[in-house]
PDB file of N, CA and C in Angstrom:
ATOM      1  N   MET A   1     -12.022   9.916 -13.026  1.00  0.00           N
ATOM      2  CA  MET A   1     -11.779  10.438 -11.699  1.00  0.00           C
ATOM      3  C   MET A   1     -11.027   9.400 -10.880  1.00  0.00           C
ATOM      4  N   PHE A   2     -10.298   9.886  -9.905  1.00  0.00           N
ATOM      5  CA  PHE A   2      -9.611   8.979  -8.998  1.00  0.00           C
ATOM      6  C   PHE A   2      -9.403   9.667  -7.658  1.00  0.00           C
ATOM      7  N   ARG A   3      -9.214   8.846  -6.647  1.00  0.00           N
ATOM      8  CA  ARG A   3      -8.827   9.349  -5.332  1.00  0.00           C
ATOM      9  C   ARG A   3      -7.985   8.270  -4.656  1.00  0.00           C
ATOM     10  N   ARG A   4      -7.049   8.731  -3.883  1.00  0.00           N
ATOM     11  CA  ARG A   4      -6.186   7.800  -3.150  1.00  0.00           C
ATOM     12  C   ARG A   4      -6.954   7.258  -1.947  1.00  0.00           C
ATOM     13  N   VAL A   5      -6.748   5.972  -1.666  1.00  0.00           N
ATOM     14  CA  VAL A   5      -7.422   5.322  -0.550  1.00  0.00           C
ATOM     15  C   VAL A   5      -6.437   4.403   0.163  1.00  0.00           C
ATOM     16  N   HIS A   6      -6.712   4.122   1.395  1.00  0.00           N
ATOM     17  CA  HIS A   6      -6.007   3.084   2.156  1.00  0.00           C
ATOM     18  C   HIS A   6      -7.078   2.116   2.612  1.00  0.00           C
ATOM     19  N   GLN A   7      -6.896   0.858   2.269  1.00  0.00           N
ATOM     20  CA  GLN A   7      -7.877  -0.149   2.608  1.00  0.00           C
ATOM     21  C   GLN A   7      -7.186  -1.336   3.240  1.00  0.00           C
ATOM     22  N   ALA A   8      -7.975  -2.140   3.942  1.00  0.00           N
ATOM     23  CA  ALA A   8      -7.450  -3.349   4.561  1.00  0.00           C
ATOM     24  C   ALA A   8      -7.660  -4.513   3.597  1.00  0.00           C
ATOM     25  N   LEU A   9      -6.577  -5.101   3.130  1.00  0.00           N
ATOM     26  CA  LEU A   9      -6.611  -6.285   2.282  1.00  0.00           C
ATOM     27  C   LEU A   9      -6.489  -7.497   3.180  1.00  0.00           C
ATOM     28  N   ASP A  10      -7.430  -8.415   3.067  1.00  0.00           N
ATOM     29  CA  ASP A  10      -7.420  -9.633   3.877  1.00  0.00           C
ATOM     30  C   ASP A  10      -6.429 -10.617   3.270  1.00  0.00           C
ATOM     31  N   LEU A  11      -5.349 -10.868   3.977  1.00  0.00           N
ATOM     32  CA  LEU A  11      -4.336 -11.827   3.543  1.00  0.00           C
ATOM     33  C   LEU A  11      -4.394 -13.035   4.471  1.00  0.00           C
ATOM     34  N   ASN A  12      -5.102 -14.075   4.034  1.00  0.00           N
ATOM     35  CA  ASN A  12      -5.252 -15.293   4.825  1.00  0.00           C
ATOM     36  C   ASN A  12      -5.820 -15.009   6.207  1.00  0.00           C
ATOM     37  N   GLY A  13      -6.851 -14.168   6.260  1.00  0.00           N
ATOM     38  CA  GLY A  13      -7.523 -13.869   7.515  1.00  0.00           C
ATOM     39  C   GLY A  13      -6.905 -12.748   8.321  1.00  0.00           C
ATOM     40  N   VAL A  14      -5.803 -12.177   7.835  1.00  0.00           N
ATOM     41  CA  VAL A  14      -5.132 -11.081   8.537  1.00  0.00           C
ATOM     42  C   VAL A  14      -5.243  -9.815   7.681  1.00  0.00           C
ATOM     43  N   PRO A  15      -5.968  -8.787   8.166  1.00  0.00           N
ATOM     44  CA  PRO A  15      -6.067  -7.561   7.376  1.00  0.00           C
ATOM     45  C   PRO A  15      -4.762  -6.769   7.398  1.00  0.00           C
ATOM     46  N   GLU A  16      -4.347  -6.324   6.229  1.00  0.00           N
ATOM     47  CA  GLU A  16      -3.131  -5.515   6.103  1.00  0.00           C
ATOM     48  C   GLU A  16      -3.487  -4.244   5.354  1.00  0.00           C
ATOM     49  N   GLN A  17      -3.139  -3.088   5.900  1.00  0.00           N
ATOM     50  CA  GLN A  17      -3.424  -1.808   5.255  1.00  0.00           C
ATOM     51  C   GLN A  17      -2.547  -1.647   4.021  1.00  0.00           C
ATOM     52  N   ILE A  18      -3.189  -1.322   2.911  1.00  0.00           N
ATOM     53  CA  ILE A  18      -2.456  -1.102   1.666  1.00  0.00           C
ATOM     54  C   ILE A  18      -2.927   0.206   1.036  1.00  0.00           C
ATOM     55  N   PRO A  19      -2.035   0.908   0.352  1.00  0.00           N
ATOM     56  CA  PRO A  19      -2.464   2.098  -0.383  1.00  0.00           C
ATOM     57  C   PRO A  19      -3.066   1.676  -1.714  1.00  0.00           C
ATOM     58  N   GLY A  20      -3.972   2.480  -2.211  1.00  0.00           N
ATOM     59  CA  GLY A  20      -4.584   2.178  -3.494  1.00  0.00           C
ATOM     60  C   GLY A  20      -5.229   3.412  -4.079  1.00  0.00           C
ATOM     61  N   MET A  21      -5.981   3.193  -5.136  1.00  0.00           N
ATOM     62  CA  MET A  21      -6.716   4.265  -5.784  1.00  0.00           C
ATOM     63  C   MET A  21      -8.107   3.755  -6.121  1.00  0.00           C
ATOM     64  N   ALA A  22      -9.103   4.590  -5.873  1.00  0.00           N
ATOM     65  CA  ALA A  22     -10.458   4.330  -6.353  1.00  0.00           C
ATOM     66  C   ALA A  22     -10.590   5.123  -7.644  1.00  0.00           C
ATOM     67  N   VAL A  23     -10.926   4.437  -8.735  1.00  0.00           N
ATOM     68  CA  VAL A  23     -10.973   5.096 -10.045  1.00  0.00           C
ATOM     69  C   VAL A  23     -12.283   4.771 -10.745  1.00  0.00           C
ATOM     70  N   THR A  24     -12.646   5.611 -11.711  1.00  0.00           N
ATOM     71  CA  THR A  24     -13.773   5.328 -12.584  1.00  0.00           C
ATOM     72  C   THR A  24     -13.227   4.667 -13.846  1.00  0.00           C
ATOM     73  N   PRO A  25     -14.070   3.925 -14.596  1.00  0.00           N
ATOM     74  CA  PRO A  25     -13.574   3.174 -15.749  1.00  0.00           C
ATOM     75  C   PRO A  25     -12.749   3.955 -16.771  1.00  0.00           C
ATOM     76  N   PRO A  26     -13.015   5.234 -17.053  1.00  0.00           N
ATOM     77  CA  PRO A  26     -12.185   5.887 -18.070  1.00  0.00           C
ATOM     78  C   PRO A  26     -10.760   6.218 -17.606  1.00  0.00           C
ATOM     79  N   PHE A  27     -10.404   5.868 -16.366  1.00  0.00           N
ATOM     80  CA  PHE A  27      -9.086   6.214 -15.838  1.00  0.00           C
ATOM     81  C   PHE A  27      -7.945   5.670 -16.707  1.00  0.00           C
ATOM     82  N   SER A  28      -7.991   4.391 -17.050  1.00  0.00           N
ATOM     83  CA  SER A  28      -6.880   3.773 -17.791  1.00  0.00           C
ATOM     84  C   SER A  28      -6.569   4.477 -19.099  1.00  0.00           C
ATOM     85  N   PRO A  29      -7.553   4.652 -19.998  1.00  0.00           N
ATOM     86  CA  PRO A  29      -7.200   5.316 -21.254  1.00  0.00           C
ATOM     87  C   PRO A  29      -6.813   6.782 -21.077  1.00  0.00           C
ATOM     88  N   LEU A  30      -7.427   7.463 -20.131  1.00  0.00           N
ATOM     89  CA  LEU A  30      -7.085   8.875 -19.924  1.00  0.00           C
ATOM     90  C   LEU A  30      -5.675   9.044 -19.372  1.00  0.00           C
ATOM     91  N   ALA A  31      -5.299   8.174 -18.445  1.00  0.00           N
ATOM     92  CA  ALA A  31      -3.982   8.270 -17.824  1.00  0.00           C
ATOM     93  C   ALA A  31      -2.915   7.503 -18.599  1.00  0.00           C
ATOM     94  N   GLY A  32      -3.341   6.662 -19.534  1.00  0.00           N
ATOM     95  CA  GLY A  32      -2.383   5.853 -20.288  1.00  0.00           C
ATOM     96  C   GLY A  32      -1.760   4.766 -19.437  1.00  0.00           C
ATOM     97  N   VAL A  33      -2.506   4.306 -18.437  1.00  0.00           N
ATOM     98  CA  VAL A  33      -2.024   3.275 -17.511  1.00  0.00           C
ATOM     99  C   VAL A  33      -2.910   2.043 -17.670  1.00  0.00           C
ATOM    100  N   TYR A  34      -2.297   0.909 -17.950  1.00  0.00           N
ATOM    101  CA  TYR A  34      -3.065  -0.315 -18.177  1.00  0.00           C
ATOM    102  C   TYR A  34      -2.515  -1.440 -17.315  1.00  0.00           C
ATOM    103  N   PRO A  35      -3.369  -2.407 -16.968  1.00  0.00           N
ATOM    104  CA  PRO A  35      -2.901  -3.536 -16.159  1.00  0.00           C
ATOM    105  C   PRO A  35      -1.781  -4.296 -16.858  1.00  0.00           C
ATOM    106  N   PHE A  36      -0.823  -4.770 -16.087  1.00  0.00           N
ATOM    107  CA  PHE A  36       0.274  -5.576 -16.617  1.00  0.00           C
ATOM    108  C   PHE A  36      -0.272  -6.895 -17.142  1.00  0.00           C
ATOM    109  N   TYR A  37      -1.224  -7.462 -16.399  1.00  0.00           N
ATOM    110  CA  TYR A  37      -1.823  -8.747 -16.747  1.00  0.00           C
ATOM    111  C   TYR A  37      -3.315  -8.640 -16.483  1.00  0.00           C
ATOM    112  N   GLY A  38      -4.130  -9.154 -17.345  1.00  0.00           N
ATOM    113  CA  GLY A  38      -5.576  -9.069 -17.151  1.00  0.00           C
ATOM    114  C   GLY A  38      -6.160  -7.957 -17.998  1.00  0.00           C
ATOM    115  N   ARG A  39      -7.174  -7.278 -17.466  1.00  0.00           N
ATOM    116  CA  ARG A  39      -7.891  -6.293 -18.247  1.00  0.00           C
ATOM    117  C   ARG A  39      -8.116  -5.019 -17.447  1.00  0.00           C
ATOM    118  N   ALA A  40      -8.470  -3.952 -18.167  1.00  0.00           N
ATOM    119  CA  ALA A  40      -8.868  -2.700 -17.520  1.00  0.00           C
ATOM    120  C   ALA A  40     -10.361  -2.803 -17.188  1.00  0.00           C
ATOM    121  N   PHE A  41     -10.906  -1.788 -16.536  1.00  0.00           N
ATOM    122  CA  PHE A  41     -12.315  -1.779 -16.200  1.00  0.00           C
ATOM    123  C   PHE A  41     -13.164  -1.588 -17.451  1.00  0.00           C
ATOM    124  N   ASP A  42     -14.331  -2.252 -17.491  1.00  0.00           N
ATOM    125  CA  ASP A  42     -15.320  -2.021 -18.543  1.00  0.00           C
ATOM    126  C   ASP A  42     -16.120  -0.780 -18.187  1.00  0.00           C
ATOM    127  N   ALA A  43     -16.627  -0.079 -19.199  1.00  0.00           N
ATOM    128  CA  ALA A  43     -17.386   1.156 -18.968  1.00  0.00           C
ATOM    129  C   ALA A  43     -18.574   0.932 -18.024  1.00  0.00           C
ATOM    130  N   GLY A  44     -19.269  -0.177 -18.125  1.00  0.00           N
ATOM    131  CA  GLY A  44     -20.437  -0.454 -17.295  1.00  0.00           C
ATOM    132  C   GLY A  44     -20.123  -0.683 -15.834  1.00  0.00           C
ATOM    133  N   GLU A  45     -18.861  -0.963 -15.525  1.00  0.00           N
ATOM    134  CA  GLU A  45     -18.493  -1.211 -14.126  1.00  0.00           C
ATOM    135  C   GLU A  45     -18.507   0.059 -13.296  1.00  0.00           C
ATOM    136  N   GLY A  46     -18.659   1.213 -13.940  1.00  0.00           N
ATOM    137  CA  GLY A  46     -18.746   2.466 -13.210  1.00  0.00           C
ATOM    138  C   GLY A  46     -20.171   2.879 -12.906  1.00  0.00           C
ATOM    139  N   ASP A  47     -21.143   2.113 -13.406  1.00  0.00           N
ATOM    140  CA  ASP A  47     -22.549   2.445 -13.181  1.00  0.00           C
ATOM    141  C   ASP A  47     -22.937   2.236 -11.726  1.00  0.00           C
ATOM    142  N   VAL A  48     -23.852   3.063 -11.245  1.00  0.00           N
ATOM    143  CA  VAL A  48     -24.374   2.922  -9.892  1.00  0.00           C
ATOM    144  C   VAL A  48     -25.014   1.545  -9.765  1.00  0.00           C
ATOM    145  N   GLY A  49     -24.653   0.826  -8.724  1.00  0.00           N
ATOM    146  CA  GLY A  49     -25.195  -0.502  -8.482  1.00  0.00           C
ATOM    147  C   GLY A  49     -24.419  -1.628  -9.138  1.00  0.00           C
ATOM    148  N   ALA A  50     -23.456  -1.293 -10.000  1.00  0.00           N
ATOM    149  CA  ALA A  50     -22.652  -2.333 -10.654  1.00  0.00           C
ATOM    150  C   ALA A  50     -21.712  -2.968  -9.632  1.00  0.00           C
ATOM    151  N   ASN A  51     -21.378  -4.233  -9.857  1.00  0.00           N
ATOM    152  CA  ASN A  51     -20.417  -4.894  -8.980  1.00  0.00           C
ATOM    153  C   ASN A  51     -19.066  -4.230  -9.125  1.00  0.00           C
ATOM    154  N   GLN A  52     -18.447  -3.921  -7.994  1.00  0.00           N
ATOM    155  CA  GLN A  52     -17.125  -3.305  -8.027  1.00  0.00           C
ATOM    156  C   GLN A  52     -16.074  -4.368  -8.318  1.00  0.00           C
ATOM    157  N   LYS A  53     -15.060  -3.966  -9.028  1.00  0.00           N
ATOM    158  CA  LYS A  53     -13.942  -4.845  -9.372  1.00  0.00           C
ATOM    159  C   LYS A  53     -12.656  -4.253  -8.829  1.00  0.00           C
ATOM    160  N   VAL A  54     -11.626  -5.083  -8.761  1.00  0.00           N
ATOM    161  CA  VAL A  54     -10.318  -4.670  -8.270  1.00  0.00           C
ATOM    162  C   VAL A  54      -9.269  -5.047  -9.310  1.00  0.00           C
ATOM    163  N   ILE A  55      -8.368  -4.129  -9.584  1.00  0.00           N
ATOM    164  CA  ILE A  55      -7.202  -4.441 -10.413  1.00  0.00           C
ATOM    165  C   ILE A  55      -5.981  -4.243  -9.520  1.00  0.00           C
ATOM    166  N   PRO A  56      -5.397  -5.348  -9.032  1.00  0.00           N
ATOM    167  CA  PRO A  56      -4.221  -5.219  -8.177  1.00  0.00           C
ATOM    168  C   PRO A  56      -3.052  -4.587  -8.932  1.00  0.00           C
ATOM    169  N   SER A  57      -2.253  -3.813  -8.219  1.00  0.00           N
ATOM    170  CA  SER A  57      -1.042  -3.256  -8.825  1.00  0.00           C
ATOM    171  C   SER A  57      -0.066  -4.394  -9.117  1.00  0.00           C
ATOM    172  N   TYR A  58       0.891  -4.114  -9.982  1.00  0.00           N
ATOM    173  CA  TYR A  58       1.919  -5.108 -10.276  1.00  0.00           C
ATOM    174  C   TYR A  58       2.646  -5.512  -8.994  1.00  0.00           C
ATOM    175  N   ALA A  59       2.977  -4.530  -8.167  1.00  0.00           N
ATOM    176  CA  ALA A  59       3.698  -4.822  -6.914  1.00  0.00           C
ATOM    177  C   ALA A  59       2.889  -5.740  -6.004  1.00  0.00           C
ATOM    178  N   LEU A  60       1.594  -5.489  -5.889  1.00  0.00           N
ATOM    179  CA  LEU A  60       0.745  -6.337  -5.044  1.00  0.00           C
ATOM    180  C   LEU A  60       0.616  -7.728  -5.648  1.00  0.00           C
ATOM    181  N   TRP A  61       0.423  -7.799  -6.962  1.00  0.00           N
ATOM    182  CA  TRP A  61       0.327  -9.087  -7.640  1.00  0.00           C
ATOM    183  C   TRP A  61       1.601  -9.900  -7.420  1.00  0.00           C
ATOM    184  N   LYS A  62       2.734  -9.236  -7.511  1.00  0.00           N
ATOM    185  CA  LYS A  62       4.025  -9.900  -7.316  1.00  0.00           C
ATOM    186  C   LYS A  62       4.203 -10.343  -5.867  1.00  0.00           C
ATOM    187  N   GLN A  63       3.908  -9.446  -4.921  1.00  0.00           N
ATOM    188  CA  GLN A  63       4.138  -9.723  -3.504  1.00  0.00           C
ATOM    189  C   GLN A  63       3.167 -10.762  -2.951  1.00  0.00           C
ATOM    190  N   VAL A  64       1.886 -10.601  -3.240  1.00  0.00           N
ATOM    191  CA  VAL A  64       0.867 -11.467  -2.640  1.00  0.00           C
ATOM    192  C   VAL A  64       0.664 -12.757  -3.425  1.00  0.00           C
ATOM    193  N   TYR A  65       0.673 -12.668  -4.750  1.00  0.00           N
ATOM    194  CA  TYR A  65       0.355 -13.826  -5.583  1.00  0.00           C
ATOM    195  C   TYR A  65       1.563 -14.425  -6.292  1.00  0.00           C
ATOM    196  N   GLY A  66       2.744 -13.875  -6.068  1.00  0.00           N
ATOM    197  CA  GLY A  66       3.945 -14.426  -6.681  1.00  0.00           C
ATOM    198  C   GLY A  66       3.897 -14.449  -8.199  1.00  0.00           C
ATOM    199  N   ARG A  67       3.231 -13.442  -8.792  1.00  0.00           N
ATOM    200  CA  ARG A  67       3.084 -13.297 -10.251  1.00  0.00           C
ATOM    201  C   ARG A  67       2.281 -14.441 -10.880  1.00  0.00           C
ATOM    202  N   ASP A  68       1.459 -15.109 -10.099  1.00  0.00           N
ATOM    203  CA  ASP A  68       0.655 -16.230 -10.579  1.00  0.00           C
ATOM    204  C   ASP A  68      -0.465 -15.716 -11.485  1.00  0.00           C
ATOM    205  N   PRO A  69      -0.458 -16.071 -12.783  1.00  0.00           N
ATOM    206  CA  PRO A  69      -1.506 -15.605 -13.694  1.00  0.00           C
ATOM    207  C   PRO A  69      -2.903 -16.048 -13.274  1.00  0.00           C
ATOM    208  N   SER A  70      -3.010 -17.161 -12.555  1.00  0.00           N
ATOM    209  CA  SER A  70      -4.335 -17.634 -12.142  1.00  0.00           C
ATOM    210  C   SER A  70      -4.948 -16.742 -11.055  1.00  0.00           C
ATOM    211  N   ALA A  71      -4.189 -15.778 -10.553  1.00  0.00           N
ATOM    212  CA  ALA A  71      -4.731 -14.855  -9.553  1.00  0.00           C
ATOM    213  C   ALA A  71      -5.771 -13.929 -10.168  1.00  0.00           C
ATOM    214  N   VAL A  72      -5.681 -13.707 -11.483  1.00  0.00           N
ATOM    215  CA  VAL A  72      -6.656 -12.862 -12.171  1.00  0.00           C
ATOM    216  C   VAL A  72      -8.011 -13.562 -12.116  1.00  0.00           C
ATOM    217  N   GLY A  73      -9.006 -12.845 -11.660  1.00  0.00           N
ATOM    218  CA  GLY A  73     -10.349 -13.405 -11.531  1.00  0.00           C
ATOM    219  C   GLY A  73     -10.657 -13.942 -10.152  1.00  0.00           C
ATOM    220  N   ARG A  74      -9.653 -14.073  -9.307  1.00  0.00           N
ATOM    221  CA  ARG A  74      -9.900 -14.525  -7.929  1.00  0.00           C
ATOM    222  C   ARG A  74     -10.608 -13.439  -7.136  1.00  0.00           C
ATOM    223  N   GLN A  75     -11.279 -13.884  -6.095  1.00  0.00           N
ATOM    224  CA  GLN A  75     -11.928 -12.929  -5.207  1.00  0.00           C
ATOM    225  C   GLN A  75     -10.950 -12.556  -4.093  1.00  0.00           C
ATOM    226  N   LEU A  76     -10.989 -11.285  -3.703  1.00  0.00           N
ATOM    227  CA  LEU A  76     -10.230 -10.839  -2.537  1.00  0.00           C
ATOM    228  C   LEU A  76     -11.114  -9.933  -1.708  1.00  0.00           C
ATOM    229  N   ARG A  77     -10.701  -9.683  -0.479  1.00  0.00           N
ATOM    230  CA  ARG A  77     -11.520  -8.874   0.428  1.00  0.00           C
ATOM    231  C   ARG A  77     -10.798  -7.569   0.764  1.00  0.00           C
ATOM    232  N   LEU A  78     -11.473  -6.465   0.485  1.00  0.00           N
ATOM    233  CA  LEU A  78     -10.978  -5.128   0.856  1.00  0.00           C
ATOM    234  C   LEU A  78     -11.952  -4.552   1.854  1.00  0.00           C
ATOM    235  N   ASP A  79     -11.433  -4.185   3.016  1.00  0.00           N
ATOM    236  CA  ASP A  79     -12.269  -3.648   4.099  1.00  0.00           C
ATOM    237  C   ASP A  79     -13.446  -4.573   4.375  1.00  0.00           C
ATOM    238  N   GLY A  80     -13.209  -5.876   4.294  1.00  0.00           N
ATOM    239  CA  GLY A  80     -14.234  -6.869   4.595  1.00  0.00           C
ATOM    240  C   GLY A  80     -15.200  -7.153   3.468  1.00  0.00           C
ATOM    241  N   THR A  81     -15.100  -6.446   2.357  1.00  0.00           N
ATOM    242  CA  THR A  81     -16.005  -6.625   1.232  1.00  0.00           C
ATOM    243  C   THR A  81     -15.378  -7.540   0.183  1.00  0.00           C
ATOM    244  N   PRO A  82     -16.059  -8.636  -0.197  1.00  0.00           N
ATOM    245  CA  PRO A  82     -15.510  -9.496  -1.251  1.00  0.00           C
ATOM    246  C   PRO A  82     -15.642  -8.820  -2.615  1.00  0.00           C
ATOM    247  N   LEU A  83     -14.539  -8.786  -3.364  1.00  0.00           N
ATOM    248  CA  LEU A  83     -14.505  -8.176  -4.690  1.00  0.00           C
ATOM    249  C   LEU A  83     -13.774  -9.099  -5.653  1.00  0.00           C
ATOM    250  N   SER A  84     -14.169  -9.061  -6.911  1.00  0.00           N
ATOM    251  CA  SER A  84     -13.487  -9.858  -7.936  1.00  0.00           C
ATOM    252  C   SER A  84     -12.316  -9.062  -8.491  1.00  0.00           C
ATOM    253  N   SER A  85     -11.234  -9.799  -8.775  1.00  0.00           N
ATOM    254  CA  SER A  85     -10.071  -9.137  -9.384  1.00  0.00           C
ATOM    255  C   SER A  85     -10.024  -9.466 -10.854  1.00  0.00           C
TER     256      SER A  85
END
């Protein structure tokens, strides 16, 4: 499942509205869409109470992190909530 969302991404203390998608773990294999760098969601990450994760789009990774591979695994804030990427 998926739904389109707009969330505030904290960029150095300044929230910026970005478009995104909220998806369940089976999204990647069903849609045939996989992260350019890093990993897709694990099945357990869709369980109730599981820590939510973020997979930035290629465009966001390029724009915000300058394609830095070390950005994978960093924490970022969406709508004030800290999430792991």
